[in-house]
PDB file of all heavy atoms in Angstrom:
ATOM      1  N   PHE A   1      23.065 -25.859 -21.758  1.00  0.00           N
ATOM      2  CA  PHE A   1      22.006 -24.980 -22.238  1.00  0.00           C
ATOM      3  C   PHE A   1      21.662 -23.869 -21.251  1.00  0.00           C
ATOM      4  O   PHE A   1      20.945 -22.938 -21.606  1.00  0.00           O
ATOM      5  CB  PHE A   1      20.748 -25.777 -22.570  1.00  0.00           C
ATOM      6  CG  PHE A   1      20.828 -26.492 -23.896  1.00  0.00           C
ATOM      7  CD1 PHE A   1      20.550 -27.841 -23.984  1.00  0.00           C
ATOM      8  CD2 PHE A   1      21.181 -25.807 -25.040  1.00  0.00           C
ATOM      9  CE1 PHE A   1      20.625 -28.499 -25.199  1.00  0.00           C
ATOM     10  CE2 PHE A   1      21.262 -26.460 -26.260  1.00  0.00           C
ATOM     11  CZ  PHE A   1      20.977 -27.805 -26.336  1.00  0.00           C
ATOM     12  N   LEU A   2      22.154 -23.920 -20.010  1.00  0.00           N
ATOM     13  CA  LEU A   2      21.856 -22.882 -19.027  1.00  0.00           C
ATOM     14  C   LEU A   2      22.349 -21.489 -19.438  1.00  0.00           C
ATOM     15  O   LEU A   2      21.610 -20.511 -19.276  1.00  0.00           O
ATOM     16  CB  LEU A   2      22.405 -23.270 -17.662  1.00  0.00           C
ATOM     17  CG  LEU A   2      21.584 -24.307 -16.897  1.00  0.00           C
ATOM     18  CD1 LEU A   2      22.259 -24.643 -15.580  1.00  0.00           C
ATOM     19  CD2 LEU A   2      20.178 -23.835 -16.668  1.00  0.00           C
ATOM     20  N   PRO A   3      23.576 -21.323 -19.978  1.00  0.00           N
ATOM     21  CA  PRO A   3      23.968 -19.972 -20.421  1.00  0.00           C
ATOM     22  C   PRO A   3      23.099 -19.439 -21.552  1.00  0.00           C
ATOM     23  O   PRO A   3      22.834 -18.233 -21.610  1.00  0.00           O
ATOM     24  CB  PRO A   3      25.418 -20.152 -20.886  1.00  0.00           C
ATOM     25  CG  PRO A   3      25.902 -21.355 -20.206  1.00  0.00           C
ATOM     26  CD  PRO A   3      24.711 -22.235 -20.033  1.00  0.00           C
ATOM     27  N   LEU A   4      22.624 -20.312 -22.428  1.00  0.00           N
ATOM     28  CA  LEU A   4      21.733 -19.862 -23.496  1.00  0.00           C
ATOM     29  C   LEU A   4      20.410 -19.379 -22.919  1.00  0.00           C
ATOM     30  O   LEU A   4      19.871 -18.352 -23.344  1.00  0.00           O
ATOM     31  CB  LEU A   4      21.489 -20.991 -24.490  1.00  0.00           C
ATOM     32  CG  LEU A   4      22.715 -21.442 -25.277  1.00  0.00           C
ATOM     33  CD1 LEU A   4      22.401 -22.709 -26.041  1.00  0.00           C
ATOM     34  CD2 LEU A   4      23.148 -20.358 -26.207  1.00  0.00           C
ATOM     35  N   LEU A   5      19.887 -20.104 -21.942  1.00  0.00           N
ATOM     36  CA  LEU A   5      18.650 -19.693 -21.294  1.00  0.00           C
ATOM     37  C   LEU A   5      18.831 -18.364 -20.573  1.00  0.00           C
ATOM     38  O   LEU A   5      17.958 -17.493 -20.629  1.00  0.00           O
ATOM     39  CB  LEU A   5      18.196 -20.775 -20.312  1.00  0.00           C
ATOM     40  CG  LEU A   5      16.915 -20.506 -19.543  1.00  0.00           C
ATOM     41  CD1 LEU A   5      15.731 -20.471 -20.500  1.00  0.00           C
ATOM     42  CD2 LEU A   5      16.716 -21.553 -18.483  1.00  0.00           C
ATOM     43  N   LEU A   6      19.966 -18.198 -19.926  1.00  0.00           N
ATOM     44  CA  LEU A   6      20.256 -16.939 -19.243  1.00  0.00           C
ATOM     45  C   LEU A   6      20.352 -15.782 -20.236  1.00  0.00           C
ATOM     46  O   LEU A   6      19.818 -14.695 -19.977  1.00  0.00           O
ATOM     47  CB  LEU A   6      21.558 -17.068 -18.445  1.00  0.00           C
ATOM     48  CG  LEU A   6      21.994 -15.845 -17.670  1.00  0.00           C
ATOM     49  CD1 LEU A   6      21.027 -15.566 -16.530  1.00  0.00           C
ATOM     50  CD2 LEU A   6      23.394 -16.036 -17.138  1.00  0.00           C
ATOM     51  N   ALA A   7      20.992 -16.002 -21.365  1.00  0.00           N
ATOM     52  CA  ALA A   7      21.125 -14.947 -22.378  1.00  0.00           C
ATOM     53  C   ALA A   7      19.767 -14.557 -22.944  1.00  0.00           C
ATOM     54  O   ALA A   7      19.470 -13.364 -23.114  1.00  0.00           O
ATOM     55  CB  ALA A   7      22.060 -15.404 -23.492  1.00  0.00           C
ATOM     56  N   VAL A   8      18.919 -15.530 -23.224  1.00  0.00           N
ATOM     57  CA  VAL A   8      17.586 -15.235 -23.752  1.00  0.00           C
ATOM     58  C   VAL A   8      16.763 -14.478 -22.708  1.00  0.00           C
ATOM     59  O   VAL A   8      16.040 -13.522 -23.040  1.00  0.00           O
ATOM     60  CB  VAL A   8      16.878 -16.538 -24.183  1.00  0.00           C
ATOM     61  CG1 VAL A   8      15.406 -16.323 -24.439  1.00  0.00           C
ATOM     62  CG2 VAL A   8      17.554 -17.112 -25.415  1.00  0.00           C
ATOM     63  N   THR A   9      16.887 -14.857 -21.439  1.00  0.00           N
ATOM     64  CA  THR A   9      16.157 -14.180 -20.376  1.00  0.00           C
ATOM     65  C   THR A   9      16.604 -12.734 -20.232  1.00  0.00           C
ATOM     66  O   THR A   9      15.777 -11.825 -20.074  1.00  0.00           O
ATOM     67  CB  THR A   9      16.356 -14.926 -19.049  1.00  0.00           C
ATOM     68  OG1 THR A   9      15.965 -16.295 -19.215  1.00  0.00           O
ATOM     69  CG2 THR A   9      15.545 -14.306 -17.937  1.00  0.00           C
ATOM     70  N   ILE A  10      17.905 -12.491 -20.293  1.00  0.00           N
ATOM     71  CA  ILE A  10      18.424 -11.130 -20.173  1.00  0.00           C
ATOM     72  C   ILE A  10      17.964 -10.270 -21.348  1.00  0.00           C
ATOM     73  O   ILE A  10      17.561  -9.115 -21.168  1.00  0.00           O
ATOM     74  CB  ILE A  10      19.958 -11.150 -20.061  1.00  0.00           C
ATOM     75  CG1 ILE A  10      20.374 -11.694 -18.699  1.00  0.00           C
ATOM     76  CG2 ILE A  10      20.550  -9.768 -20.279  1.00  0.00           C
ATOM     77  CD1 ILE A  10      21.853 -11.931 -18.562  1.00  0.00           C
ATOM     78  N   VAL A  11      17.992 -10.809 -22.550  1.00  0.00           N
ATOM     79  CA  VAL A  11      17.553 -10.049 -23.726  1.00  0.00           C
ATOM     80  C   VAL A  11      16.059  -9.739 -23.640  1.00  0.00           C
ATOM     81  O   VAL A  11      15.635  -8.609 -23.923  1.00  0.00           O
ATOM     82  CB  VAL A  11      17.890 -10.814 -25.021  1.00  0.00           C
ATOM     83  CG1 VAL A  11      17.188 -10.222 -26.223  1.00  0.00           C
ATOM     84  CG2 VAL A  11      19.387 -10.829 -25.240  1.00  0.00           C
ATOM     85  N   ALA A  12      15.252 -10.705 -23.215  1.00  0.00           N
ATOM     86  CA  ALA A  12      13.810 -10.469 -23.089  1.00  0.00           C
ATOM     87  C   ALA A  12      13.522  -9.428 -22.015  1.00  0.00           C
ATOM     88  O   ALA A  12      12.685  -8.534 -22.212  1.00  0.00           O
ATOM     89  CB  ALA A  12      13.094 -11.778 -22.763  1.00  0.00           C
ATOM     90  N   TYR A  13      14.210  -9.508 -20.882  1.00  0.00           N
ATOM     91  CA  TYR A  13      14.014  -8.526 -19.819  1.00  0.00           C
ATOM     92  C   TYR A  13      14.407  -7.124 -20.296  1.00  0.00           C
ATOM     93  O   TYR A  13      13.711  -6.154 -20.008  1.00  0.00           O
ATOM     94  CB  TYR A  13      14.832  -8.908 -18.586  1.00  0.00           C
ATOM     95  CG  TYR A  13      14.767  -7.880 -17.491  1.00  0.00           C
ATOM     96  CD1 TYR A  13      13.638  -7.774 -16.690  1.00  0.00           C
ATOM     97  CD2 TYR A  13      15.816  -6.995 -17.273  1.00  0.00           C
ATOM     98  CE1 TYR A  13      13.555  -6.826 -15.693  1.00  0.00           C
ATOM     99  CE2 TYR A  13      15.743  -6.037 -16.284  1.00  0.00           C
ATOM    100  CZ  TYR A  13      14.616  -5.957 -15.487  1.00  0.00           C
ATOM    101  OH  TYR A  13      14.551  -5.011 -14.516  1.00  0.00           O
ATOM    102  N   THR A  14      15.501  -7.020 -21.027  1.00  0.00           N
ATOM    103  CA  THR A  14      15.941  -5.723 -21.528  1.00  0.00           C
ATOM    104  C   THR A  14      14.941  -5.140 -22.512  1.00  0.00           C
ATOM    105  O   THR A  14      14.633  -3.942 -22.465  1.00  0.00           O
ATOM    106  CB  THR A  14      17.322  -5.863 -22.191  1.00  0.00           C
ATOM    107  OG1 THR A  14      18.227  -6.440 -21.262  1.00  0.00           O
ATOM    108  CG2 THR A  14      17.849  -4.532 -22.657  1.00  0.00           C
ATOM    109  N   MET A  15      14.410  -5.967 -23.391  1.00  0.00           N
ATOM    110  CA  MET A  15      13.432  -5.479 -24.364  1.00  0.00           C
ATOM    111  C   MET A  15      12.154  -5.009 -23.678  1.00  0.00           C
ATOM    112  O   MET A  15      11.586  -3.972 -24.049  1.00  0.00           O
ATOM    113  CB  MET A  15      13.121  -6.566 -25.384  1.00  0.00           C
ATOM    114  CG  MET A  15      14.266  -6.863 -26.332  1.00  0.00           C
ATOM    115  SD  MET A  15      13.937  -8.237 -27.429  1.00  0.00           S
ATOM    116  CE  MET A  15      12.578  -7.618 -28.372  1.00  0.00           C
ATOM    117  N   ILE A  16      11.696  -5.746 -22.663  1.00  0.00           N
ATOM    118  CA  ILE A  16      10.481  -5.356 -21.955  1.00  0.00           C
ATOM    119  C   ILE A  16      10.710  -4.081 -21.160  1.00  0.00           C
ATOM    120  O   ILE A  16       9.870  -3.173 -21.156  1.00  0.00           O
ATOM    121  CB  ILE A  16       9.994  -6.506 -21.055  1.00  0.00           C
ATOM    122  CG1 ILE A  16       9.480  -7.656 -21.915  1.00  0.00           C
ATOM    123  CG2 ILE A  16       8.912  -6.038 -20.096  1.00  0.00           C
ATOM    124  CD1 ILE A  16       9.186  -8.914 -21.144  1.00  0.00           C
ATOM    125  N   SER A  17      11.847  -3.981 -20.486  1.00  0.00           N
ATOM    126  CA  SER A  17      12.102  -2.796 -19.679  1.00  0.00           C
ATOM    127  C   SER A  17      12.321  -1.549 -20.550  1.00  0.00           C
ATOM    128  O   SER A  17      12.003  -0.443 -20.127  1.00  0.00           O
ATOM    129  CB  SER A  17      13.301  -3.007 -18.763  1.00  0.00           C
ATOM    130  OG  SER A  17      14.476  -3.156 -19.506  1.00  0.00           O
ATOM    131  N   GLU A  18      12.849  -1.727 -21.754  1.00  0.00           N
ATOM    132  CA  GLU A  18      13.022  -0.585 -22.653  1.00  0.00           C
ATOM    133  C   GLU A  18      11.699  -0.126 -23.247  1.00  0.00           C
ATOM    134  O   GLU A  18      11.544   1.039 -23.601  1.00  0.00           O
ATOM    135  CB  GLU A  18      13.985  -0.927 -23.782  1.00  0.00           C
ATOM    136  CG  GLU A  18      15.428  -0.993 -23.349  1.00  0.00           C
ATOM    137  CD  GLU A  18      15.968   0.353 -22.911  1.00  0.00           C
ATOM    138  OE1 GLU A  18      15.620   1.368 -23.550  1.00  0.00           O
ATOM    139  OE2 GLU A  18      16.714   0.376 -21.938  1.00  0.00           O
ATOM    140  N   SER A  19      10.734  -1.033 -23.365  1.00  0.00           N
ATOM    141  CA  SER A  19       9.446  -0.642 -23.943  1.00  0.00           C
ATOM    142  C   SER A  19       8.610   0.164 -22.960  1.00  0.00           C
ATOM    143  O   SER A  19       7.703   0.879 -23.362  1.00  0.00           O
ATOM    144  CB  SER A  19       8.680  -1.873 -24.409  1.00  0.00           C
ATOM    145  OG  SER A  19       8.274  -2.638 -23.290  1.00  0.00           O
ATOM    146  N   ILE A  20       8.902   0.036 -21.663  1.00  0.00           N
ATOM    147  CA  ILE A  20       8.190   0.826 -20.659  1.00  0.00           C
ATOM    148  C   ILE A  20       9.058   2.026 -20.316  1.00  0.00           C
ATOM    149  O   ILE A  20      10.093   1.897 -19.678  1.00  0.00           O
ATOM    150  CB  ILE A  20       7.914  -0.010 -19.394  1.00  0.00           C
ATOM    151  CG1 ILE A  20       7.069  -1.216 -19.735  1.00  0.00           C
ATOM    152  CG2 ILE A  20       7.245   0.843 -18.334  1.00  0.00           C
ATOM    153  CD1 ILE A  20       6.906  -2.188 -18.609  1.00  0.00           C
ATOM    154  N   ASN A  21       8.634   3.197 -20.741  1.00  0.00           N
ATOM    155  CA  ASN A  21       9.379   4.416 -20.435  1.00  0.00           C
ATOM    156  C   ASN A  21       8.488   5.355 -19.635  1.00  0.00           C
ATOM    157  O   ASN A  21       7.366   5.023 -19.278  1.00  0.00           O
ATOM    158  CB  ASN A  21       9.929   5.063 -21.708  1.00  0.00           C
ATOM    159  CG  ASN A  21       8.843   5.339 -22.710  1.00  0.00           C
ATOM    160  OD1 ASN A  21       7.675   5.378 -22.374  1.00  0.00           O
ATOM    161  ND2 ASN A  21       9.240   5.542 -23.952  1.00  0.00           N
ATOM    162  N   ASN A  22       8.971   6.548 -19.363  1.00  0.00           N
ATOM    163  CA  ASN A  22       8.230   7.473 -18.509  1.00  0.00           C
ATOM    164  C   ASN A  22       6.965   8.005 -19.163  1.00  0.00           C
ATOM    165  O   ASN A  22       6.019   8.355 -18.475  1.00  0.00           O
ATOM    166  CB  ASN A  22       9.125   8.638 -18.105  1.00  0.00           C
ATOM    167  CG  ASN A  22      10.243   8.184 -17.211  1.00  0.00           C
ATOM    168  OD1 ASN A  22      10.146   7.149 -16.577  1.00  0.00           O
ATOM    169  ND2 ASN A  22      11.312   8.970 -17.139  1.00  0.00           N
ATOM    170  N   SER A  23       6.931   8.058 -20.474  1.00  0.00           N
ATOM    171  CA  SER A  23       5.752   8.629 -21.132  1.00  0.00           C
ATOM    172  C   SER A  23       4.569   7.666 -21.136  1.00  0.00           C
ATOM    173  O   SER A  23       3.430   8.090 -21.224  1.00  0.00           O
ATOM    174  CB  SER A  23       6.079   9.037 -22.561  1.00  0.00           C
ATOM    175  OG  SER A  23       6.389   7.911 -23.334  1.00  0.00           O
ATOM    176  N   ASN A  24       4.807   6.374 -21.020  1.00  0.00           N
ATOM    177  CA  ASN A  24       3.689   5.432 -21.007  1.00  0.00           C
ATOM    178  C   ASN A  24       3.590   4.650 -19.701  1.00  0.00           C
ATOM    179  O   ASN A  24       3.007   3.588 -19.654  1.00  0.00           O
ATOM    180  CB  ASN A  24       3.753   4.490 -22.206  1.00  0.00           C
ATOM    181  CG  ASN A  24       4.991   3.635 -22.204  1.00  0.00           C
ATOM    182  OD1 ASN A  24       5.797   3.689 -21.296  1.00  0.00           O
ATOM    183  ND2 ASN A  24       5.131   2.828 -23.240  1.00  0.00           N
ATOM    184  N   SER A  25       4.147   5.191 -18.639  1.00  0.00           N
ATOM    185  CA  SER A  25       4.064   4.566 -17.326  1.00  0.00           C
ATOM    186  C   SER A  25       3.031   5.309 -16.483  1.00  0.00           C
ATOM    187  O   SER A  25       3.204   6.485 -16.154  1.00  0.00           O
ATOM    188  CB  SER A  25       5.422   4.577 -16.633  1.00  0.00           C
ATOM    189  OG  SER A  25       5.289   4.097 -15.320  1.00  0.00           O
ATOM    190  N   LEU A  26       1.970   4.624 -16.128  1.00  0.00           N
ATOM    191  CA  LEU A  26       0.900   5.245 -15.354  1.00  0.00           C
ATOM    192  C   LEU A  26       1.374   5.633 -13.960  1.00  0.00           C
ATOM    193  O   LEU A  26       1.070   6.732 -13.476  1.00  0.00           O
ATOM    194  CB  LEU A  26      -0.292   4.295 -15.277  1.00  0.00           C
ATOM    195  CG  LEU A  26      -1.520   4.801 -14.529  1.00  0.00           C
ATOM    196  CD1 LEU A  26      -2.099   6.013 -15.243  1.00  0.00           C
ATOM    197  CD2 LEU A  26      -2.545   3.704 -14.405  1.00  0.00           C
ATOM    198  N   SER A  27       2.140   4.782 -13.325  1.00  0.00           N
ATOM    199  CA  SER A  27       2.608   5.100 -11.972  1.00  0.00           C
ATOM    200  C   SER A  27       3.539   6.310 -11.971  1.00  0.00           C
ATOM    201  O   SER A  27       3.488   7.139 -11.060  1.00  0.00           O
ATOM    202  CB  SER A  27       3.312   3.889 -11.365  1.00  0.00           C
ATOM    203  OG  SER A  27       4.445   3.555 -12.118  1.00  0.00           O
ATOM    204  N   TYR A  28       4.373   6.436 -12.987  1.00  0.00           N
ATOM    205  CA  TYR A  28       5.260   7.601 -13.076  1.00  0.00           C
ATOM    206  C   TYR A  28       4.458   8.889 -13.230  1.00  0.00           C
ATOM    207  O   TYR A  28       4.753   9.903 -12.593  1.00  0.00           O
ATOM    208  CB  TYR A  28       6.228   7.430 -14.256  1.00  0.00           C
ATOM    209  CG  TYR A  28       7.164   8.597 -14.454  1.00  0.00           C
ATOM    210  CD1 TYR A  28       8.316   8.714 -13.694  1.00  0.00           C
ATOM    211  CD2 TYR A  28       6.883   9.588 -15.385  1.00  0.00           C
ATOM    212  CE1 TYR A  28       9.172   9.785 -13.856  1.00  0.00           C
ATOM    213  CE2 TYR A  28       7.736  10.663 -15.560  1.00  0.00           C
ATOM    214  CZ  TYR A  28       8.880  10.755 -14.790  1.00  0.00           C
ATOM    215  OH  TYR A  28       9.718  11.820 -14.950  1.00  0.00           O
ATOM    216  N   GLN A  29       3.431   8.860 -14.074  1.00  0.00           N
ATOM    217  CA  GLN A  29       2.623  10.060 -14.315  1.00  0.00           C
ATOM    218  C   GLN A  29       1.843  10.470 -13.068  1.00  0.00           C
ATOM    219  O   GLN A  29       1.734  11.655 -12.760  1.00  0.00           O
ATOM    220  CB  GLN A  29       1.667   9.831 -15.487  1.00  0.00           C
ATOM    221  CG  GLN A  29       2.344   9.544 -16.803  1.00  0.00           C
ATOM    222  CD  GLN A  29       3.271  10.655 -17.256  1.00  0.00           C
ATOM    223  OE1 GLN A  29       3.098  11.812 -16.928  1.00  0.00           O
ATOM    224  NE2 GLN A  29       4.281  10.280 -18.029  1.00  0.00           N
ATOM    225  N   VAL A  30       1.305   9.497 -12.325  1.00  0.00           N
ATOM    226  CA  VAL A  30       0.553   9.819 -11.113  1.00  0.00           C
ATOM    227  C   VAL A  30       1.482  10.345 -10.031  1.00  0.00           C
ATOM    228  O   VAL A  30       1.155  11.304  -9.325  1.00  0.00           O
ATOM    229  CB  VAL A  30      -0.246   8.585 -10.638  1.00  0.00           C
ATOM    230  CG1 VAL A  30      -0.866   8.825  -9.272  1.00  0.00           C
ATOM    231  CG2 VAL A  30      -1.315   8.225 -11.646  1.00  0.00           C
ATOM    232  N   ASN A  31       2.658   9.743  -9.881  1.00  0.00           N
ATOM    233  CA  ASN A  31       3.602  10.192  -8.852  1.00  0.00           C
ATOM    234  C   ASN A  31       4.140  11.595  -9.123  1.00  0.00           C
ATOM    235  O   ASN A  31       4.521  12.296  -8.193  1.00  0.00           O
ATOM    236  CB  ASN A  31       4.767   9.216  -8.721  1.00  0.00           C
ATOM    237  CG  ASN A  31       4.362   7.941  -8.025  1.00  0.00           C
ATOM    238  OD1 ASN A  31       3.428   7.932  -7.237  1.00  0.00           O
ATOM    239  ND2 ASN A  31       5.061   6.868  -8.342  1.00  0.00           N
ATOM    240  N   HIS A  32       4.163  12.019 -10.364  1.00  0.00           N
ATOM    241  CA  HIS A  32       4.664  13.343 -10.709  1.00  0.00           C
ATOM    242  C   HIS A  32       3.522  14.330 -10.979  1.00  0.00           C
ATOM    243  O   HIS A  32       3.727  15.367 -11.622  1.00  0.00           O
ATOM    244  CB  HIS A  32       5.610  13.265 -11.914  1.00  0.00           C
ATOM    245  CG  HIS A  32       6.920  12.645 -11.567  1.00  0.00           C
ATOM    246  ND1 HIS A  32       7.104  11.285 -11.562  1.00  0.00           N
ATOM    247  CD2 HIS A  32       8.093  13.196 -11.165  1.00  0.00           C
ATOM    248  CE1 HIS A  32       8.343  11.019 -11.199  1.00  0.00           C
ATOM    249  NE2 HIS A  32       8.968  12.169 -10.940  1.00  0.00           N
ATOM    250  N   ASN A  33       2.332  14.004 -10.490  1.00  0.00           N
ATOM    251  CA  ASN A  33       1.149  14.868 -10.547  1.00  0.00           C
ATOM    252  C   ASN A  33       0.789  15.306 -11.963  1.00  0.00           C
ATOM    253  O   ASN A  33       0.308  16.414 -12.180  1.00  0.00           O
ATOM    254  CB  ASN A  33       1.333  16.107  -9.658  1.00  0.00           C
ATOM    255  CG  ASN A  33       1.494  15.731  -8.206  1.00  0.00           C
ATOM    256  OD1 ASN A  33       0.883  14.763  -7.758  1.00  0.00           O
ATOM    257  ND2 ASN A  33       2.320  16.473  -7.488  1.00  0.00           N
ATOM    258  N   ASN A  34       1.016  14.456 -12.923  1.00  0.00           N
ATOM    259  CA  ASN A  34       0.639  14.734 -14.308  1.00  0.00           C
ATOM    260  C   ASN A  34      -0.636  13.943 -14.600  1.00  0.00           C
ATOM    261  O   ASN A  34      -0.623  12.903 -15.255  1.00  0.00           O
ATOM    262  CB  ASN A  34       1.773  14.337 -15.253  1.00  0.00           C
ATOM    263  CG  ASN A  34       1.548  14.870 -16.646  1.00  0.00           C
ATOM    264  OD1 ASN A  34       0.521  15.478 -16.931  1.00  0.00           O
ATOM    265  ND2 ASN A  34       2.522  14.635 -17.505  1.00  0.00           N
ATOM    266  N   TYR A  35      -1.754  14.476 -14.098  1.00  0.00           N
ATOM    267  CA  TYR A  35      -3.005  13.723 -14.155  1.00  0.00           C
ATOM    268  C   TYR A  35      -3.614  13.703 -15.551  1.00  0.00           C
ATOM    269  O   TYR A  35      -4.331  12.769 -15.889  1.00  0.00           O
ATOM    270  CB  TYR A  35      -4.000  14.296 -13.144  1.00  0.00           C
ATOM    271  CG  TYR A  35      -3.510  14.140 -11.719  1.00  0.00           C
ATOM    272  CD1 TYR A  35      -3.163  15.243 -10.951  1.00  0.00           C
ATOM    273  CD2 TYR A  35      -3.375  12.878 -11.166  1.00  0.00           C
ATOM    274  CE1 TYR A  35      -2.706  15.092  -9.654  1.00  0.00           C
ATOM    275  CE2 TYR A  35      -2.913  12.713  -9.869  1.00  0.00           C
ATOM    276  CZ  TYR A  35      -2.575  13.824  -9.123  1.00  0.00           C
ATOM    277  OH  TYR A  35      -2.117  13.660  -7.861  1.00  0.00           O
ATOM    278  N   ARG A  36      -3.320  14.692 -16.368  1.00  0.00           N
ATOM    279  CA  ARG A  36      -3.838  14.678 -17.739  1.00  0.00           C
ATOM    280  C   ARG A  36      -3.239  13.526 -18.539  1.00  0.00           C
ATOM    281  O   ARG A  36      -3.955  12.823 -19.251  1.00  0.00           O
ATOM    282  CB  ARG A  36      -3.537  16.010 -18.433  1.00  0.00           C
ATOM    283  CG  ARG A  36      -4.362  17.134 -17.922  1.00  0.00           C
ATOM    284  CD  ARG A  36      -4.081  18.389 -18.690  1.00  0.00           C
ATOM    285  NE  ARG A  36      -4.848  19.483 -18.088  1.00  0.00           N
ATOM    286  CZ  ARG A  36      -4.522  20.745 -18.200  1.00  0.00           C
ATOM    287  NH1 ARG A  36      -3.460  21.092 -18.906  1.00  0.00           N
ATOM    288  NH2 ARG A  36      -5.253  21.670 -17.643  1.00  0.00           N
ATOM    289  N   GLN A  37      -1.931  13.353 -18.404  1.00  0.00           N
ATOM    290  CA  GLN A  37      -1.270  12.235 -19.115  1.00  0.00           C
ATOM    291  C   GLN A  37      -1.737  10.891 -18.534  1.00  0.00           C
ATOM    292  O   GLN A  37      -1.915   9.934 -19.268  1.00  0.00           O
ATOM    293  CB  GLN A  37       0.253  12.371 -19.000  1.00  0.00           C
ATOM    294  CG  GLN A  37       1.019  11.319 -19.747  1.00  0.00           C
ATOM    295  CD  GLN A  37       0.871  11.411 -21.246  1.00  0.00           C
ATOM    296  OE1 GLN A  37       0.530  12.446 -21.805  1.00  0.00           O
ATOM    297  NE2 GLN A  37       1.125  10.317 -21.924  1.00  0.00           N
ATOM    298  N   ALA A  38      -1.953  10.831 -17.217  1.00  0.00           N
ATOM    299  CA  ALA A  38      -2.435   9.589 -16.597  1.00  0.00           C
ATOM    300  C   ALA A  38      -3.822   9.250 -17.080  1.00  0.00           C
ATOM    301  O   ALA A  38      -4.133   8.090 -17.376  1.00  0.00           O
ATOM    302  CB  ALA A  38      -2.404   9.720 -15.077  1.00  0.00           C
ATOM    303  N   GLU A  39      -4.697  10.278 -17.200  1.00  0.00           N
ATOM    304  CA  GLU A  39      -6.032  10.041 -17.699  1.00  0.00           C
ATOM    305  C   GLU A  39      -6.004   9.592 -19.163  1.00  0.00           C
ATOM    306  O   GLU A  39      -6.754   8.696 -19.581  1.00  0.00           O
ATOM    307  CB  GLU A  39      -6.867  11.314 -17.561  1.00  0.00           C
ATOM    308  CG  GLU A  39      -8.305  11.143 -17.911  1.00  0.00           C
ATOM    309  CD  GLU A  39      -9.102  12.424 -17.705  1.00  0.00           C
ATOM    310  OE1 GLU A  39      -8.605  13.334 -17.022  1.00  0.00           O
ATOM    311  OE2 GLU A  39     -10.215  12.500 -18.249  1.00  0.00           O
ATOM    312  N   LYS A  40      -5.092  10.171 -19.936  1.00  0.00           N
ATOM    313  CA  LYS A  40      -4.946   9.791 -21.343  1.00  0.00           C
ATOM    314  C   LYS A  40      -4.487   8.336 -21.459  1.00  0.00           C
ATOM    315  O   LYS A  40      -4.962   7.583 -22.318  1.00  0.00           O
ATOM    316  CB  LYS A  40      -3.933  10.727 -22.002  1.00  0.00           C
ATOM    317  CG  LYS A  40      -3.747  10.529 -23.466  1.00  0.00           C
ATOM    318  CD  LYS A  40      -2.741  11.545 -24.001  1.00  0.00           C
ATOM    319  CE  LYS A  40      -2.376  11.254 -25.419  1.00  0.00           C
ATOM    320  NZ  LYS A  40      -1.336  12.162 -25.920  1.00  0.00           N
ATOM    321  N   LEU A  41      -3.575   7.930 -20.566  1.00  0.00           N
ATOM    322  CA  LEU A  41      -3.103   6.539 -20.566  1.00  0.00           C
ATOM    323  C   LEU A  41      -4.223   5.583 -20.181  1.00  0.00           C
ATOM    324  O   LEU A  41      -4.348   4.494 -20.740  1.00  0.00           O
ATOM    325  CB  LEU A  41      -1.916   6.372 -19.619  1.00  0.00           C
ATOM    326  CG  LEU A  41      -0.586   6.931 -20.078  1.00  0.00           C
ATOM    327  CD1 LEU A  41       0.440   6.877 -18.960  1.00  0.00           C
ATOM    328  CD2 LEU A  41      -0.085   6.133 -21.279  1.00  0.00           C
ATOM    329  N   LEU A  42      -5.045   5.977 -19.223  1.00  0.00           N
ATOM    330  CA  LEU A  42      -6.168   5.124 -18.814  1.00  0.00           C
ATOM    331  C   LEU A  42      -7.197   4.986 -19.918  1.00  0.00           C
ATOM    332  O   LEU A  42      -7.770   3.890 -20.116  1.00  0.00           O
ATOM    333  CB  LEU A  42      -6.818   5.684 -17.548  1.00  0.00           C
ATOM    334  CG  LEU A  42      -6.029   5.482 -16.254  1.00  0.00           C
ATOM    335  CD1 LEU A  42      -6.685   6.242 -15.126  1.00  0.00           C
ATOM    336  CD2 LEU A  42      -5.923   4.009 -15.936  1.00  0.00           C
ATOM    337  N   LYS A  43      -7.440   6.045 -20.658  1.00  0.00           N
ATOM    338  CA  LYS A  43      -8.414   5.967 -21.750  1.00  0.00           C
ATOM    339  C   LYS A  43      -7.903   5.113 -22.904  1.00  0.00           C
ATOM    340  O   LYS A  43      -8.665   4.420 -23.556  1.00  0.00           O
ATOM    341  CB  LYS A  43      -8.760   7.385 -22.246  1.00  0.00           C
ATOM    342  CG  LYS A  43      -9.673   8.135 -21.314  1.00  0.00           C
ATOM    343  CD  LYS A  43     -10.007   9.487 -21.879  1.00  0.00           C
ATOM    344  CE  LYS A  43     -10.931  10.248 -20.930  1.00  0.00           C
ATOM    345  NZ  LYS A  43     -11.218  11.608 -21.428  1.00  0.00           N
ATOM    346  N   SER A  44      -6.575   5.194 -23.148  1.00  0.00           N
ATOM    347  CA  SER A  44      -6.027   4.428 -24.278  1.00  0.00           C
ATOM    348  C   SER A  44      -5.832   2.962 -23.934  1.00  0.00           C
ATOM    349  O   SER A  44      -5.627   2.142 -24.811  1.00  0.00           O
ATOM    350  CB  SER A  44      -4.696   5.042 -24.721  1.00  0.00           C
ATOM    351  OG  SER A  44      -3.711   4.860 -23.711  1.00  0.00           O
ATOM    352  N   GLY A  45      -5.883   2.634 -22.678  1.00  0.00           N
ATOM    353  CA  GLY A  45      -5.787   1.233 -22.286  1.00  0.00           C
ATOM    354  C   GLY A  45      -4.432   0.939 -21.789  1.00  0.00           C
ATOM    355  O   GLY A  45      -3.892  -0.037 -21.584  1.00  0.00           O
TER     356      GLY A  45
END
């Protein structure tokens, strides 16, 4: 069952990492001095 667990873990990690992109990453927006988008992200939660 270890390869099955590894496959499920890889798929879950890929799905989570794909859902976080540059447009909804607060750290990316702050590091690139886009404070309006960062403030919008903070207000939306």
